[in-house]
Amino acid sequence: MSRGRERKISGAIQRLVAEIAPQDPITRIRMAWPKVVGDLIAKETYPSSLKGGVLTITCSSSVWAQELDLLSRKVLERLDEEFENSLVQRLRCVVGANR
């Protein structure tokens, strides 16, 4: 039995995920965070809020807050690459419980 041309299911799944994914900016940033900063930093930090162009990042320690502060220019560039017209203009790093 011939089924014709086979298609990968991954394309259909990606379209479905894009269709049902939340569209609010902070949720989209949270979903993309590991891609933006890398897995190591993402395990120690969490985008907790976005207000007035300021993305607040909750960090597991003051060391991670300082590290992310030093990397803020690069993080902002990556956010702009990931999201056209990113609403994030500045990072604010705070120490607290992740998630």
C-alpha atoms as a PDB file:
ATOM      1  CA  MET A   1       0.000   0.000   0.000  1.00  0.00           C
ATOM      2  CA  SER A   2       1.454   3.337  -1.036  1.00  0.00           C
ATOM      3  CA  ARG A   3       0.815   6.352   1.127  1.00  0.00           C
ATOM      4  CA  GLY A   4       2.349   8.859  -1.188  1.00  0.00           C
ATOM      5  CA  ARG A   5       4.808  11.380   0.036  1.00  0.00           C
ATOM      6  CA  GLU A   6       5.596  11.054   3.719  1.00  0.00           C
ATOM      7  CA  ARG A   7       5.737  14.190   5.827  1.00  0.00           C
ATOM      8  CA  LYS A   8       7.452  14.798   9.091  1.00  0.00           C
ATOM      9  CA  ILE A   9       5.163  15.397  12.027  1.00  0.00           C
ATOM     10  CA  SER A  10       7.589  17.910  13.557  1.00  0.00           C
ATOM     11  CA  GLY A  11       6.413  20.682  11.227  1.00  0.00           C
ATOM     12  CA  ALA A  12       2.794  20.149  12.217  1.00  0.00           C
ATOM     13  CA  ILE A  13       3.703  20.096  15.897  1.00  0.00           C
ATOM     14  CA  GLN A  14       5.700  23.335  15.611  1.00  0.00           C
ATOM     15  CA  ARG A  15       2.778  25.058  13.907  1.00  0.00           C
ATOM     16  CA  LEU A  16       0.387  23.818  16.592  1.00  0.00           C
ATOM     17  CA  VAL A  17       2.648  24.965  19.435  1.00  0.00           C
ATOM     18  CA  ALA A  18       3.008  28.414  17.838  1.00  0.00           C
ATOM     19  CA  GLU A  19      -0.756  28.624  17.445  1.00  0.00           C
ATOM     20  CA  ILE A  20      -1.639  27.736  21.032  1.00  0.00           C
ATOM     21  CA  ALA A  21       1.351  29.295  22.817  1.00  0.00           C
ATOM     22  CA  PRO A  22       0.592  32.245  25.104  1.00  0.00           C
ATOM     23  CA  GLN A  23       1.227  35.545  23.398  1.00  0.00           C
ATOM     24  CA  ASP A  24       1.891  37.800  26.387  1.00  0.00           C
ATOM     25  CA  PRO A  25       5.499  39.056  26.409  1.00  0.00           C
ATOM     26  CA  ILE A  26       6.656  37.735  29.804  1.00  0.00           C
ATOM     27  CA  THR A  27       5.441  34.210  29.066  1.00  0.00           C
ATOM     28  CA  ARG A  28       7.151  34.238  25.684  1.00  0.00           C
ATOM     29  CA  ILE A  29      10.377  35.472  27.315  1.00  0.00           C
ATOM     30  CA  ARG A  30      10.156  32.759  29.977  1.00  0.00           C
ATOM     31  CA  MET A  31       9.709  30.086  27.316  1.00  0.00           C
ATOM     32  CA  ALA A  32      12.713  31.347  25.339  1.00  0.00           C
ATOM     33  CA  TRP A  33      14.929  32.136  28.363  1.00  0.00           C
ATOM     34  CA  PRO A  34      17.182  29.015  28.121  1.00  0.00           C
ATOM     35  CA  LYS A  35      17.764  29.759  24.439  1.00  0.00           C
ATOM     36  CA  VAL A  36      18.536  33.411  25.169  1.00  0.00           C
ATOM     37  CA  VAL A  37      20.952  32.937  28.082  1.00  0.00           C
ATOM     38  CA  GLY A  38      21.919  29.262  27.877  1.00  0.00           C
ATOM     39  CA  ASP A  39      20.962  26.371  30.110  1.00  0.00           C
ATOM     40  CA  LEU A  40      23.470  27.076  32.889  1.00  0.00           C
ATOM     41  CA  ILE A  41      22.318  30.660  33.479  1.00  0.00           C
ATOM     42  CA  ALA A  42      18.657  29.710  32.960  1.00  0.00           C
ATOM     43  CA  LYS A  43      18.887  27.211  35.837  1.00  0.00           C
ATOM     44  CA  GLU A  44      19.978  30.001  38.189  1.00  0.00           C
ATOM     45  CA  THR A  45      17.769  32.846  36.933  1.00  0.00           C
ATOM     46  CA  TYR A  46      14.112  33.450  36.120  1.00  0.00           C
ATOM     47  CA  PRO A  47      12.369  36.300  34.266  1.00  0.00           C
ATOM     48  CA  SER A  48       9.878  37.285  36.955  1.00  0.00           C
ATOM     49  CA  SER A  49       8.214  40.418  35.555  1.00  0.00           C
ATOM     50  CA  LEU A  50       8.180  42.926  32.723  1.00  0.00           C
ATOM     51  CA  LYS A  51       7.024  46.468  33.467  1.00  0.00           C
ATOM     52  CA  GLY A  52       7.736  49.660  31.559  1.00  0.00           C
ATOM     53  CA  GLY A  53      10.477  48.060  29.481  1.00  0.00           C
ATOM     54  CA  VAL A  54      12.302  46.739  32.551  1.00  0.00           C
ATOM     55  CA  LEU A  55      12.663  42.958  32.726  1.00  0.00           C
ATOM     56  CA  THR A  56      13.169  41.861  36.325  1.00  0.00           C
ATOM     57  CA  ILE A  57      15.250  38.718  36.632  1.00  0.00           C
ATOM     58  CA  THR A  58      15.165  36.782  39.886  1.00  0.00           C
ATOM     59  CA  CYS A  59      18.567  35.193  40.526  1.00  0.00           C
ATOM     60  CA  SER A  60      19.440  32.373  42.909  1.00  0.00           C
ATOM     61  CA  SER A  61      22.341  34.338  44.456  1.00  0.00           C
ATOM     62  CA  SER A  62      24.056  37.711  44.386  1.00  0.00           C
ATOM     63  CA  VAL A  63      26.845  36.164  42.303  1.00  0.00           C
ATOM     64  CA  TRP A  64      24.364  35.251  39.552  1.00  0.00           C
ATOM     65  CA  ALA A  65      22.704  38.672  39.786  1.00  0.00           C
ATOM     66  CA  GLN A  66      26.069  40.364  39.292  1.00  0.00           C
ATOM     67  CA  GLU A  67      27.012  38.012  36.451  1.00  0.00           C
ATOM     68  CA  LEU A  68      23.741  38.657  34.638  1.00  0.00           C
ATOM     69  CA  ASP A  69      24.124  42.389  35.217  1.00  0.00           C
ATOM     70  CA  LEU A  70      27.549  42.227  33.557  1.00  0.00           C
ATOM     71  CA  LEU A  71      26.026  40.274  30.647  1.00  0.00           C
ATOM     72  CA  SER A  72      22.977  42.525  30.338  1.00  0.00           C
ATOM     73  CA  ARG A  73      23.987  44.137  27.032  1.00  0.00           C
ATOM     74  CA  LYS A  74      24.430  40.713  25.409  1.00  0.00           C
ATOM     75  CA  VAL A  75      21.179  39.428  26.915  1.00  0.00           C
ATOM     76  CA  LEU A  76      19.297  42.460  25.571  1.00  0.00           C
ATOM     77  CA  GLU A  77      20.807  41.857  22.125  1.00  0.00           C
ATOM     78  CA  ARG A  78      19.725  38.216  22.198  1.00  0.00           C
ATOM     79  CA  LEU A  79      16.210  39.176  23.303  1.00  0.00           C
ATOM     80  CA  ASP A  80      16.033  41.577  20.360  1.00  0.00           C
ATOM     81  CA  GLU A  81      17.188  38.794  18.028  1.00  0.00           C
ATOM     82  CA  GLU A  82      14.657  36.339  19.443  1.00  0.00           C
ATOM     83  CA  PHE A  83      11.721  38.761  19.478  1.00  0.00           C
ATOM     84  CA  GLU A  84      11.419  41.454  16.879  1.00  0.00           C
ATOM     85  CA  ASN A  85      10.826  44.772  18.620  1.00  0.00           C
ATOM     86  CA  SER A  86      11.463  43.352  22.075  1.00  0.00           C
ATOM     87  CA  LEU A  87       9.751  45.390  24.749  1.00  0.00           C
ATOM     88  CA  VAL A  88      12.769  44.951  27.010  1.00  0.00           C
ATOM     89  CA  GLN A  89      14.972  48.026  27.328  1.00  0.00           C
ATOM     90  CA  ARG A  90      16.761  47.206  30.573  1.00  0.00           C
ATOM     91  CA  LEU A  91      17.397  44.297  32.937  1.00  0.00           C
ATOM     92  CA  ARG A  92      16.945  44.519  36.687  1.00  0.00           C
ATOM     93  CA  CYS A  93      18.554  41.654  38.599  1.00  0.00           C
ATOM     94  CA  VAL A  94      17.311  40.776  42.072  1.00  0.00           C
ATOM     95  CA  VAL A  95      18.149  37.936  44.450  1.00  0.00           C
ATOM     96  CA  GLY A  96      15.320  35.653  45.472  1.00  0.00           C
ATOM     97  CA  ALA A  97      13.823  32.214  45.184  1.00  0.00           C
ATOM     98  CA  ASN A  98      13.777  31.002  41.592  1.00  0.00           C
ATOM     99  CA  ARG A  99      10.199  30.397  40.477  1.00  0.00           C
END
